[in-house]
PDB file of N, CA and C in Angstrom:
ATOM      1  N   MET A   1    -112.478  45.612 -38.478  1.00  0.00           N
ATOM      2  CA  MET A   1    -111.801  45.935 -38.024  1.00  0.00           C
ATOM      3  C   MET A   1    -111.785  45.553 -36.335  1.00  0.00           C
ATOM      4  N   LYS A   2    -110.566  45.198 -35.870  1.00  0.00           N
ATOM      5  CA  LYS A   2    -110.190  44.902 -34.533  1.00  0.00           C
ATOM      6  C   LYS A   2    -109.816  46.257 -33.805  1.00  0.00           C
ATOM      7  N   THR A   3    -110.244  45.870 -32.418  1.00  0.00           N
ATOM      8  CA  THR A   3    -109.914  46.522 -31.520  1.00  0.00           C
ATOM      9  C   THR A   3    -108.529  46.008 -30.433  1.00  0.00           C
ATOM     10  N   TYR A   4    -107.519  47.071 -30.745  1.00  0.00           N
ATOM     11  CA  TYR A   4    -106.470  46.021 -29.909  1.00  0.00           C
ATOM     12  C   TYR A   4    -105.261  47.822 -29.041  1.00  0.00           C
ATOM     13  N   GLU A   5    -105.142  46.773 -28.340  1.00  0.00           N
ATOM     14  CA  GLU A   5    -104.174  47.293 -27.182  1.00  0.00           C
ATOM     15  C   GLU A   5    -102.769  47.280 -27.077  1.00  0.00           C
ATOM     16  N   SER A   6    -101.726  48.354 -26.752  1.00  0.00           N
ATOM     17  CA  SER A   6    -100.374  47.991 -27.310  1.00  0.00           C
ATOM     18  C   SER A   6     -99.665  48.556 -26.012  1.00  0.00           C
ATOM     19  N   VAL A   7     -98.850  47.998 -25.044  1.00  0.00           N
ATOM     20  CA  VAL A   7     -97.821  48.719 -24.424  1.00  0.00           C
ATOM     21  C   VAL A   7     -96.403  48.511 -24.288  1.00  0.00           C
ATOM     22  N   THR A   8     -95.507  49.418 -24.829  1.00  0.00           N
ATOM     23  CA  THR A   8     -94.572  49.874 -25.584  1.00  0.00           C
ATOM     24  C   THR A   8     -93.653  50.015 -24.070  1.00  0.00           C
ATOM     25  N   ILE A   9     -92.613  49.474 -24.353  1.00  0.00           N
ATOM     26  CA  ILE A   9     -91.646  50.042 -23.192  1.00  0.00           C
ATOM     27  C   ILE A   9     -90.077  50.553 -23.990  1.00  0.00           C
ATOM     28  N   LEU A  10     -90.230  51.751 -23.884  1.00  0.00           N
ATOM     29  CA  LEU A  10     -88.981  52.968 -24.203  1.00  0.00           C
ATOM     30  C   LEU A  10     -87.743  52.753 -23.409  1.00  0.00           C
ATOM     31  N   LYS A  11     -86.519  53.251 -23.730  1.00  0.00           N
ATOM     32  CA  LYS A  11     -85.507  53.279 -23.099  1.00  0.00           C
ATOM     33  C   LYS A  11     -85.816  54.634 -22.378  1.00  0.00           C
ATOM     34  N   PRO A  12     -84.864  54.570 -21.131  1.00  0.00           N
ATOM     35  CA  PRO A  12     -85.477  55.608 -20.269  1.00  0.00           C
ATOM     36  C   PRO A  12     -84.160  56.981 -20.484  1.00  0.00           C
ATOM     37  N   GLN A  13     -83.590  56.796 -21.366  1.00  0.00           N
ATOM     38  CA  GLN A  13     -82.618  57.672 -21.825  1.00  0.00           C
ATOM     39  C   GLN A  13     -82.774  58.731 -22.992  1.00  0.00           C
ATOM     40  N   LEU A  14     -84.411  58.721 -23.650  1.00  0.00           N
ATOM     41  CA  LEU A  14     -85.059  59.178 -24.651  1.00  0.00           C
ATOM     42  C   LEU A  14     -85.609  60.311 -23.775  1.00  0.00           C
ATOM     43  N   THR A  15     -85.343  62.141 -24.308  1.00  0.00           N
ATOM     44  CA  THR A  15     -85.888  62.907 -23.931  1.00  0.00           C
ATOM     45  C   THR A  15     -86.856  62.607 -24.653  1.00  0.00           C
ATOM     46  N   ASP A  16     -88.000  63.851 -23.631  1.00  0.00           N
ATOM     47  CA  ASP A  16     -89.306  64.323 -23.821  1.00  0.00           C
ATOM     48  C   ASP A  16     -90.217  64.236 -24.963  1.00  0.00           C
ATOM     49  N   ASN A  17     -88.870  65.088 -25.911  1.00  0.00           N
ATOM     50  CA  ASN A  17     -89.348  65.215 -27.437  1.00  0.00           C
ATOM     51  C   ASN A  17     -89.064  63.941 -28.399  1.00  0.00           C
ATOM     52  N   GLU A  18     -88.039  62.728 -27.734  1.00  0.00           N
ATOM     53  CA  GLU A  18     -87.838  61.831 -28.438  1.00  0.00           C
ATOM     54  C   GLU A  18     -89.186  60.860 -27.886  1.00  0.00           C
ATOM     55  N   VAL A  19     -89.646  60.967 -27.599  1.00  0.00           N
ATOM     56  CA  VAL A  19     -91.012  59.841 -27.039  1.00  0.00           C
ATOM     57  C   VAL A  19     -91.813  60.525 -27.455  1.00  0.00           C
ATOM     58  N   ALA A  20     -92.262  61.823 -27.708  1.00  0.00           N
ATOM     59  CA  ALA A  20     -93.366  62.224 -28.614  1.00  0.00           C
ATOM     60  C   ALA A  20     -93.344  61.717 -29.820  1.00  0.00           C
ATOM     61  N   ALA A  21     -91.844  62.626 -30.408  1.00  0.00           N
ATOM     62  CA  ALA A  21     -92.017  61.544 -32.332  1.00  0.00           C
ATOM     63  C   ALA A  21     -91.698  60.665 -32.211  1.00  0.00           C
ATOM     64  N   PHE A  22     -91.576  59.557 -31.210  1.00  0.00           N
ATOM     65  CA  PHE A  22     -92.046  58.473 -31.344  1.00  0.00           C
ATOM     66  C   PHE A  22     -93.546  58.180 -31.454  1.00  0.00           C
ATOM     67  N   VAL A  23     -94.242  58.721 -30.891  1.00  0.00           N
ATOM     68  CA  VAL A  23     -95.499  58.274 -30.640  1.00  0.00           C
ATOM     69  C   VAL A  23     -96.168  58.742 -31.637  1.00  0.00           C
ATOM     70  N   GLU A  24     -95.758  59.629 -32.515  1.00  0.00           N
ATOM     71  CA  GLU A  24     -96.427  60.822 -33.510  1.00  0.00           C
ATOM     72  C   GLU A  24     -95.838  59.260 -34.805  1.00  0.00           C
ATOM     73  N   LYS A  25     -94.873  59.133 -34.953  1.00  0.00           N
ATOM     74  CA  LYS A  25     -94.740  58.160 -35.534  1.00  0.00           C
ATOM     75  C   LYS A  25     -95.403  56.621 -35.452  1.00  0.00           C
ATOM     76  N   THR A  26     -95.563  56.800 -34.356  1.00  0.00           N
ATOM     77  CA  THR A  26     -96.500  55.226 -34.251  1.00  0.00           C
ATOM     78  C   THR A  26     -97.909  55.326 -34.587  1.00  0.00           C
ATOM     79  N   LYS A  27     -98.405  56.947 -34.237  1.00  0.00           N
ATOM     80  CA  LYS A  27     -99.638  56.970 -34.601  1.00  0.00           C
ATOM     81  C   LYS A  27     -99.799  57.462 -36.686  1.00  0.00           C
ATOM     82  N   ALA A  28     -98.884  57.698 -37.072  1.00  0.00           N
ATOM     83  CA  ALA A  28     -98.817  57.914 -38.398  1.00  0.00           C
ATOM     84  C   ALA A  28     -98.901  56.537 -38.986  1.00  0.00           C
ATOM     85  N   PHE A  29     -98.246  55.474 -38.321  1.00  0.00           N
ATOM     86  CA  PHE A  29     -97.977  54.141 -39.070  1.00  0.00           C
ATOM     87  C   PHE A  29     -99.444  53.327 -38.883  1.00  0.00           C
ATOM     88  N   ILE A  30    -100.193  53.437 -37.659  1.00  0.00           N
ATOM     89  CA  ILE A  30    -101.610  53.007 -37.780  1.00  0.00           C
ATOM     90  C   ILE A  30    -102.288  53.742 -38.444  1.00  0.00           C
ATOM     91  N   ALA A  31    -102.329  55.029 -39.006  1.00  0.00           N
ATOM     92  CA  ALA A  31    -102.986  55.381 -39.697  1.00  0.00           C
ATOM     93  C   ALA A  31    -102.717  54.917 -41.278  1.00  0.00           C
ATOM     94  N   SER A  32    -101.462  55.066 -41.395  1.00  0.00           N
ATOM     95  CA  SER A  32    -101.163  54.378 -42.953  1.00  0.00           C
ATOM     96  C   SER A  32    -101.718  52.923 -43.058  1.00  0.00           C
ATOM     97  N   SER A  33    -101.829  52.539 -42.201  1.00  0.00           N
ATOM     98  CA  SER A  33    -102.290  51.043 -42.462  1.00  0.00           C
ATOM     99  C   SER A  33    -104.058  51.047 -42.560  1.00  0.00           C
ATOM    100  N   LYS A  34    -104.686  52.160 -41.946  1.00  0.00           N
ATOM    101  CA  LYS A  34    -105.954  52.827 -42.289  1.00  0.00           C
ATOM    102  C   LYS A  34    -106.717  51.830 -40.888  1.00  0.00           C
ATOM    103  N   GLY A  35    -105.883  52.358 -40.279  1.00  0.00           N
ATOM    104  CA  GLY A  35    -106.390  52.324 -38.745  1.00  0.00           C
ATOM    105  C   GLY A  35    -106.496  53.417 -37.782  1.00  0.00           C
ATOM    106  N   GLU A  36    -107.124  53.497 -36.580  1.00  0.00           N
ATOM    107  CA  GLU A  36    -107.651  55.010 -36.048  1.00  0.00           C
ATOM    108  C   GLU A  36    -107.253  54.820 -34.760  1.00  0.00           C
ATOM    109  N   VAL A  37    -106.174  55.394 -33.862  1.00  0.00           N
ATOM    110  CA  VAL A  37    -106.160  56.202 -32.573  1.00  0.00           C
ATOM    111  C   VAL A  37    -106.737  56.059 -31.550  1.00  0.00           C
ATOM    112  N   LEU A  38    -107.620  55.325 -30.986  1.00  0.00           N
ATOM    113  CA  LEU A  38    -108.753  55.120 -30.027  1.00  0.00           C
ATOM    114  C   LEU A  38    -108.415  56.008 -28.940  1.00  0.00           C
ATOM    115  N   SER A  39    -107.049  55.794 -28.581  1.00  0.00           N
ATOM    116  CA  SER A  39    -106.570  57.008 -27.255  1.00  0.00           C
ATOM    117  C   SER A  39    -105.437  56.172 -26.526  1.00  0.00           C
ATOM    118  N   GLU A  40    -104.740  56.816 -26.071  1.00  0.00           N
ATOM    119  CA  GLU A  40    -103.124  57.366 -26.478  1.00  0.00           C
ATOM    120  C   GLU A  40    -102.749  57.940 -24.440  1.00  0.00           C
ATOM    121  N   GLU A  41    -101.675  57.290 -23.774  1.00  0.00           N
ATOM    122  CA  GLU A  41    -101.510  57.118 -22.437  1.00  0.00           C
ATOM    123  C   GLU A  41     -99.936  57.070 -22.441  1.00  0.00           C
ATOM    124  N   LYS A  42     -99.525  58.452 -21.905  1.00  0.00           N
ATOM    125  CA  LYS A  42     -98.235  58.001 -21.528  1.00  0.00           C
ATOM    126  C   LYS A  42     -97.890  58.049 -20.178  1.00  0.00           C
ATOM    127  N   LEU A  43     -97.571  56.537 -19.566  1.00  0.00           N
ATOM    128  CA  LEU A  43     -97.528  56.235 -17.876  1.00  0.00           C
ATOM    129  C   LEU A  43     -96.313  56.571 -17.340  1.00  0.00           C
ATOM    130  N   GLY A  44     -95.119  57.358 -17.944  1.00  0.00           N
ATOM    131  CA  GLY A  44     -94.227  57.538 -17.354  1.00  0.00           C
ATOM    132  C   GLY A  44     -92.941  56.526 -17.697  1.00  0.00           C
ATOM    133  N   ARG A  45     -91.925  56.886 -16.595  1.00  0.00           N
ATOM    134  CA  ARG A  45     -90.999  56.171 -16.437  1.00  0.00           C
ATOM    135  C   ARG A  45     -91.084  55.503 -15.017  1.00  0.00           C
ATOM    136  N   ARG A  46     -90.818  54.184 -15.031  1.00  0.00           N
ATOM    137  CA  ARG A  46     -91.069  53.164 -13.488  1.00  0.00           C
ATOM    138  C   ARG A  46     -90.233  52.263 -13.976  1.00  0.00           C
ATOM    139  N   ARG A  47     -89.725  52.002 -12.712  1.00  0.00           N
ATOM    140  CA  ARG A  47     -88.296  51.028 -12.540  1.00  0.00           C
ATOM    141  C   ARG A  47     -88.600  49.655 -12.449  1.00  0.00           C
ATOM    142  N   PHE A  48     -88.071  48.716 -12.977  1.00  0.00           N
ATOM    143  CA  PHE A  48     -88.140  47.082 -13.414  1.00  0.00           C
ATOM    144  C   PHE A  48     -88.154  46.699 -12.348  1.00  0.00           C
ATOM    145  N   SER A  49     -88.603  45.403 -12.128  1.00  0.00           N
ATOM    146  CA  SER A  49     -88.385  44.656 -10.768  1.00  0.00           C
ATOM    147  C   SER A  49     -86.971  43.957 -11.191  1.00  0.00           C
ATOM    148  N   HIS A  50     -86.327  43.699 -12.729  1.00  0.00           N
ATOM    149  CA  HIS A  50     -85.517  43.118 -12.907  1.00  0.00           C
ATOM    150  C   HIS A  50     -84.697  44.094 -14.053  1.00  0.00           C
ATOM    151  N   GLU A  51     -83.448  44.006 -14.351  1.00  0.00           N
ATOM    152  CA  GLU A  51     -82.825  44.267 -15.526  1.00  0.00           C
ATOM    153  C   GLU A  51     -83.581  43.617 -16.978  1.00  0.00           C
ATOM    154  N   ILE A  52     -83.257  44.866 -17.702  1.00  0.00           N
ATOM    155  CA  ILE A  52     -83.994  44.927 -19.214  1.00  0.00           C
ATOM    156  C   ILE A  52     -82.894  45.804 -20.062  1.00  0.00           C
ATOM    157  N   ASN A  53     -81.712  44.962 -21.132  1.00  0.00           N
ATOM    158  CA  ASN A  53     -80.941  45.203 -22.172  1.00  0.00           C
ATOM    159  C   ASN A  53     -79.934  46.052 -20.769  1.00  0.00           C
ATOM    160  N   LYS A  54     -79.926  46.299 -19.497  1.00  0.00           N
ATOM    161  CA  LYS A  54     -78.782  46.852 -18.637  1.00  0.00           C
ATOM    162  C   LYS A  54     -79.639  48.499 -18.028  1.00  0.00           C
ATOM    163  N   ASN A  55     -81.174  48.204 -18.264  1.00  0.00           N
ATOM    164  CA  ASN A  55     -81.799  49.207 -18.285  1.00  0.00           C
ATOM    165  C   ASN A  55     -82.624  48.650 -16.862  1.00  0.00           C
ATOM    166  N   ARG A  56     -82.467  49.422 -15.463  1.00  0.00           N
ATOM    167  CA  ARG A  56     -83.070  49.301 -14.417  1.00  0.00           C
ATOM    168  C   ARG A  56     -85.103  50.252 -14.352  1.00  0.00           C
ATOM    169  N   GLU A  57     -84.901  50.988 -15.855  1.00  0.00           N
ATOM    170  CA  GLU A  57     -86.253  51.958 -15.706  1.00  0.00           C
ATOM    171  C   GLU A  57     -86.440  52.179 -17.310  1.00  0.00           C
ATOM    172  N   GLY A  58     -88.207  51.970 -17.560  1.00  0.00           N
ATOM    173  CA  GLY A  58     -88.350  52.666 -19.053  1.00  0.00           C
ATOM    174  C   GLY A  58     -89.465  53.624 -18.678  1.00  0.00           C
ATOM    175  N   PHE A  59     -89.982  53.596 -20.158  1.00  0.00           N
ATOM    176  CA  PHE A  59     -90.763  55.105 -20.207  1.00  0.00           C
ATOM    177  C   PHE A  59     -92.110  54.381 -20.916  1.00  0.00           C
ATOM    178  N   TYR A  60     -92.829  53.820 -20.152  1.00  0.00           N
ATOM    179  CA  TYR A  60     -94.233  53.179 -20.657  1.00  0.00           C
ATOM    180  C   TYR A  60     -95.016  54.250 -21.433  1.00  0.00           C
ATOM    181  N   LEU A  61     -95.622  53.418 -22.173  1.00  0.00           N
ATOM    182  CA  LEU A  61     -96.409  54.067 -23.398  1.00  0.00           C
ATOM    183  C   LEU A  61     -97.669  52.718 -23.508  1.00  0.00           C
ATOM    184  N   TYR A  62     -99.084  53.397 -23.562  1.00  0.00           N
ATOM    185  CA  TYR A  62    -100.010  53.062 -23.798  1.00  0.00           C
ATOM    186  C   TYR A  62    -101.166  53.264 -24.948  1.00  0.00           C
ATOM    187  N   LEU A  63    -101.185  52.322 -26.030  1.00  0.00           N
ATOM    188  CA  LEU A  63    -101.970  53.026 -27.319  1.00  0.00           C
ATOM    189  C   LEU A  63    -103.082  51.705 -27.106  1.00  0.00           C
ATOM    190  N   LYS A  64    -104.572  52.400 -27.733  1.00  0.00           N
ATOM    191  CA  LYS A  64    -105.298  51.633 -27.838  1.00  0.00           C
ATOM    192  C   LYS A  64    -106.038  52.060 -29.714  1.00  0.00           C
ATOM    193  N   PHE A  65    -105.675  51.309 -30.273  1.00  0.00           N
ATOM    194  CA  PHE A  65    -106.477  51.227 -31.688  1.00  0.00           C
ATOM    195  C   PHE A  65    -106.949  50.299 -32.365  1.00  0.00           C
ATOM    196  N   LYS A  66    -107.733  50.772 -33.664  1.00  0.00           N
ATOM    197  CA  LYS A  66    -108.747  49.906 -34.476  1.00  0.00           C
ATOM    198  C   LYS A  66    -107.507  50.034 -35.612  1.00  0.00           C
ATOM    199  N   ALA A  67    -107.538  48.651 -36.235  1.00  0.00           N
ATOM    200  CA  ALA A  67    -106.846  48.281 -37.190  1.00  0.00           C
ATOM    201  C   ALA A  67    -107.117  46.695 -37.810  1.00  0.00           C
ATOM    202  N   GLU A  68    -106.463  46.742 -39.019  1.00  0.00           N
ATOM    203  CA  GLU A  68    -106.421  45.081 -39.679  1.00  0.00           C
ATOM    204  C   GLU A  68    -105.670  44.118 -39.029  1.00  0.00           C
ATOM    205  N   PRO A  69    -106.186  42.932 -38.884  1.00  0.00           N
ATOM    206  CA  PRO A  69    -104.989  42.324 -37.853  1.00  0.00           C
ATOM    207  C   PRO A  69    -104.160  42.391 -38.935  1.00  0.00           C
ATOM    208  N   THR A  70    -103.743  42.319 -39.824  1.00  0.00           N
ATOM    209  CA  THR A  70    -102.704  42.012 -40.488  1.00  0.00           C
ATOM    210  C   THR A  70    -101.698  42.937 -40.123  1.00  0.00           C
ATOM    211  N   ILE A  71    -102.195  44.149 -39.850  1.00  0.00           N
ATOM    212  CA  ILE A  71    -100.799  44.945 -38.785  1.00  0.00           C
ATOM    213  C   ILE A  71    -100.267  44.571 -37.524  1.00  0.00           C
ATOM    214  N   VAL A  72    -100.395  43.461 -37.462  1.00  0.00           N
ATOM    215  CA  VAL A  72     -99.959  42.833 -35.823  1.00  0.00           C
ATOM    216  C   VAL A  72     -98.208  42.466 -36.224  1.00  0.00           C
ATOM    217  N   LYS A  73     -98.421  41.793 -37.279  1.00  0.00           N
ATOM    218  CA  LYS A  73     -97.260  41.449 -37.575  1.00  0.00           C
ATOM    219  C   LYS A  73     -96.156  42.473 -37.800  1.00  0.00           C
ATOM    220  N   THR A  74     -96.411  43.072 -38.459  1.00  0.00           N
ATOM    221  CA  THR A  74     -95.687  44.395 -39.219  1.00  0.00           C
ATOM    222  C   THR A  74     -94.764  45.005 -38.233  1.00  0.00           C
ATOM    223  N   TRP A  75     -96.180  45.772 -37.041  1.00  0.00           N
ATOM    224  CA  TRP A  75     -95.761  46.637 -35.714  1.00  0.00           C
ATOM    225  C   TRP A  75     -94.789  45.846 -34.853  1.00  0.00           C
ATOM    226  N   ASN A  76     -95.409  43.706 -34.691  1.00  0.00           N
ATOM    227  CA  ASN A  76     -94.056  43.515 -33.941  1.00  0.00           C
ATOM    228  C   ASN A  76     -92.578  43.976 -34.446  1.00  0.00           C
ATOM    229  N   ASN A  77     -92.590  43.144 -36.217  1.00  0.00           N
ATOM    230  CA  ASN A  77     -91.347  43.975 -36.903  1.00  0.00           C
ATOM    231  C   ASN A  77     -90.625  44.767 -36.329  1.00  0.00           C
ATOM    232  N   ASN A  78     -91.594  45.789 -36.718  1.00  0.00           N
ATOM    233  CA  ASN A  78     -91.269  47.276 -36.253  1.00  0.00           C
ATOM    234  C   ASN A  78     -90.365  47.481 -35.301  1.00  0.00           C
ATOM    235  N   MET A  79     -90.539  46.707 -34.208  1.00  0.00           N
ATOM    236  CA  MET A  79     -90.550  47.267 -32.277  1.00  0.00           C
ATOM    237  C   MET A  79     -89.680  46.515 -32.485  1.00  0.00           C
ATOM    238  N   LYS A  80     -89.515  45.364 -32.783  1.00  0.00           N
ATOM    239  CA  LYS A  80     -87.820  44.383 -32.742  1.00  0.00           C
ATOM    240  C   LYS A  80     -86.695  45.173 -33.576  1.00  0.00           C
ATOM    241  N   LEU A  81     -86.898  45.740 -34.482  1.00  0.00           N
ATOM    242  CA  LEU A  81     -85.752  46.879 -35.129  1.00  0.00           C
ATOM    243  C   LEU A  81     -85.508  48.299 -35.001  1.00  0.00           C
ATOM    244  N   ASN A  82     -86.355  48.104 -33.746  1.00  0.00           N
ATOM    245  CA  ASN A  82     -86.238  50.095 -33.043  1.00  0.00           C
ATOM    246  C   ASN A  82     -85.429  50.018 -32.310  1.00  0.00           C
ATOM    247  N   ALA A  83     -84.390  50.949 -31.691  1.00  0.00           N
ATOM    248  CA  ALA A  83     -83.265  50.421 -30.960  1.00  0.00           C
ATOM    249  C   ALA A  83     -83.654  51.255 -29.633  1.00  0.00           C
ATOM    250  N   ASN A  84     -85.173  51.739 -29.416  1.00  0.00           N
ATOM    251  CA  ASN A  84     -85.244  52.575 -28.735  1.00  0.00           C
ATOM    252  C   ASN A  84     -86.429  51.578 -28.102  1.00  0.00           C
ATOM    253  N   VAL A  85     -86.810  50.936 -28.321  1.00  0.00           N
ATOM    254  CA  VAL A  85     -87.757  50.144 -27.852  1.00  0.00           C
ATOM    255  C   VAL A  85     -87.380  48.832 -27.099  1.00  0.00           C
ATOM    256  N   LEU A  86     -87.364  48.599 -25.834  1.00  0.00           N
ATOM    257  CA  LEU A  86     -87.004  47.774 -24.949  1.00  0.00           C
ATOM    258  C   LEU A  86     -88.266  46.296 -25.238  1.00  0.00           C
ATOM    259  N   ARG A  87     -88.936  46.817 -25.091  1.00  0.00           N
ATOM    260  CA  ARG A  87     -90.379  45.707 -24.919  1.00  0.00           C
ATOM    261  C   ARG A  87     -91.431  46.282 -25.627  1.00  0.00           C
ATOM    262  N   SER A  88     -92.597  45.759 -26.145  1.00  0.00           N
ATOM    263  CA  SER A  88     -93.491  45.691 -26.737  1.00  0.00           C
ATOM    264  C   SER A  88     -94.566  44.500 -26.819  1.00  0.00           C
ATOM    265  N   ILE A  89     -95.820  44.897 -26.764  1.00  0.00           N
ATOM    266  CA  ILE A  89     -96.983  43.524 -26.883  1.00  0.00           C
ATOM    267  C   ILE A  89     -98.288  44.512 -27.471  1.00  0.00           C
ATOM    268  N   VAL A  90     -98.885  43.191 -28.487  1.00  0.00           N
ATOM    269  CA  VAL A  90    -100.744  43.911 -28.615  1.00  0.00           C
ATOM    270  C   VAL A  90    -101.033  43.173 -28.237  1.00  0.00           C
ATOM    271  N   MET A  91    -102.453  43.398 -27.540  1.00  0.00           N
ATOM    272  CA  MET A  91    -103.346  42.302 -27.501  1.00  0.00           C
ATOM    273  C   MET A  91    -104.491  42.888 -28.222  1.00  0.00           C
ATOM    274  N   VAL A  92    -105.751  41.791 -28.345  1.00  0.00           N
ATOM    275  CA  VAL A  92    -106.762  42.118 -28.881  1.00  0.00           C
ATOM    276  C   VAL A  92    -107.324  42.824 -27.630  1.00  0.00           C
ATOM    277  N   ALA A  93    -108.304  43.259 -27.972  1.00  0.00           N
ATOM    278  CA  ALA A  93    -108.883  44.344 -26.668  1.00  0.00           C
ATOM    279  C   ALA A  93    -110.115  43.723 -26.277  1.00  0.00           C
ATOM    280  N   CYS A  94    -110.300  42.772 -25.103  1.00  0.00           N
ATOM    281  CA  CYS A  94    -111.747  42.313 -24.450  1.00  0.00           C
ATOM    282  C   CYS A  94    -112.386  43.449 -24.200  1.00  0.00           C
ATOM    283  N   GLU A  95    -113.639  43.797 -24.306  1.00  0.00           N
ATOM    284  CA  GLU A  95    -114.456  44.664 -24.285  1.00  0.00           C
ATOM    285  C   GLU A  95    -115.236  44.474 -22.874  1.00  0.00           C
ATOM    286  N   PRO A  96    -115.304  44.606 -21.718  1.00  0.00           N
ATOM    287  CA  PRO A  96    -115.894  44.173 -21.252  1.00  0.00           C
ATOM    288  C   PRO A  96    -117.463  44.304 -21.089  1.00  0.00           C
ATOM    289  N   LYS A  97    -118.546  42.965 -20.946  1.00  0.00           N
ATOM    290  CA  LYS A  97    -119.517  42.573 -20.525  1.00  0.00           C
ATOM    291  C   LYS A  97    -120.351  42.985 -19.549  1.00  0.00           C
ATOM    292  N   ASN A  98    -121.094  43.597 -19.206  1.00  0.00           N
ATOM    293  CA  ASN A  98    -121.733  44.110 -18.278  1.00  0.00           C
ATOM    294  C   ASN A  98    -122.766  42.934 -18.158  1.00  0.00           C
ATOM    295  N   LYS A  99    -122.834  42.489 -16.779  1.00  0.00           N
ATOM    296  CA  LYS A  99    -123.800  41.178 -16.984  1.00  0.00           C
ATOM    297  C   LYS A  99    -124.862  41.878 -15.661  1.00  0.00           C
ATOM    298  N   PRO A 100    -126.296  41.664 -16.018  1.00  0.00           N
ATOM    299  CA  PRO A 100    -127.168  42.120 -15.237  1.00  0.00           C
ATOM    300  C   PRO A 100    -127.018  41.490 -13.801  1.00  0.00           C
ATOM    301  N   ALA A 101    -127.300  42.103 -12.593  1.00  0.00           N
ATOM    302  CA  ALA A 101    -127.268  41.432 -10.905  1.00  0.00           C
ATOM    303  C   ALA A 101    -127.797  40.740 -10.586  1.00  0.00           C
ATOM    304  N   LYS A 102    -127.545  39.666 -10.375  1.00  0.00           N
ATOM    305  CA  LYS A 102    -128.787  38.338  -9.993  1.00  0.00           C
ATOM    306  C   LYS A 102    -129.286  39.100  -8.835  1.00  0.00           C
ATOM    307  N   LYS A 103    -130.312  38.882  -8.983  1.00  0.00           N
ATOM    308  CA  LYS A 103    -131.526  38.781  -7.582  1.00  0.00           C
ATOM    309  C   LYS A 103    -131.657  37.420  -6.577  1.00  0.00           C
ATOM    310  N   ASP A 104    -131.032  38.006  -5.444  1.00  0.00           N
ATOM    311  CA  ASP A 104    -131.534  37.389  -4.644  1.00  0.00           C
ATOM    312  C   ASP A 104    -132.474  36.300  -4.090  1.00  0.00           C
ATOM    313  N   SER A 105    -132.883  35.035  -3.959  1.00  0.00           N
ATOM    314  CA  SER A 105    -133.970  34.292  -4.144  1.00  0.00           C
ATOM    315  C   SER A 105    -134.276  34.623  -2.793  1.00  0.00           C
ATOM    316  N   MET A 106    -133.343  34.733  -1.693  1.00  0.00           N
ATOM    317  CA  MET A 106    -133.991  35.059  -0.110  1.00  0.00           C
ATOM    318  C   MET A 106    -134.674  36.452   0.386  1.00  0.00           C
ATOM    319  N   PRO A 107    -135.420  36.625   0.959  1.00  0.00           N
ATOM    320  CA  PRO A 107    -136.062  37.286   0.993  1.00  0.00           C
ATOM    321  C   PRO A 107    -135.205  38.847   2.085  1.00  0.00           C
ATOM    322  N   ALA A 108    -135.075  39.922   2.196  1.00  0.00           N
ATOM    323  CA  ALA A 108    -133.748  40.621   2.913  1.00  0.00           C
ATOM    324  C   ALA A 108    -134.729  39.962   4.139  1.00  0.00           C
ATOM    325  N   ALA A 109    -133.612  40.339   5.236  1.00  0.00           N
ATOM    326  CA  ALA A 109    -133.651  40.073   6.781  1.00  0.00           C
ATOM    327  C   ALA A 109    -134.418  41.792   7.356  1.00  0.00           C
ATOM    328  N   VAL A 110    -135.146  41.277   7.809  1.00  0.00           N
ATOM    329  CA  VAL A 110    -136.410  42.551   8.596  1.00  0.00           C
ATOM    330  C   VAL A 110    -135.465  42.535  10.122  1.00  0.00           C
TER     331      VAL A 110
END
């Protein structure tokens, strides 16, 4: 299983209950694909720099989940067909690798 991150922008006309229903439906889709939701963040309504489908703002949703790679194609198809979704993207999550701090070869100034 790989770890993925997804950002989805929903129509601003949706109520809080409709957004919550969308989130639950999405989490159920991931679970039915033998995946696991690691974190979820509702980033709220934000203004766009340009119009998307005659909308000047949208509701942002961030999900981090583990799933098989085959889920991404199905995910993209589902999001394209959903009338409430303005934009959606799924990316493979890159975990930051901590590098040890380099020791300076020069002695400290006194």
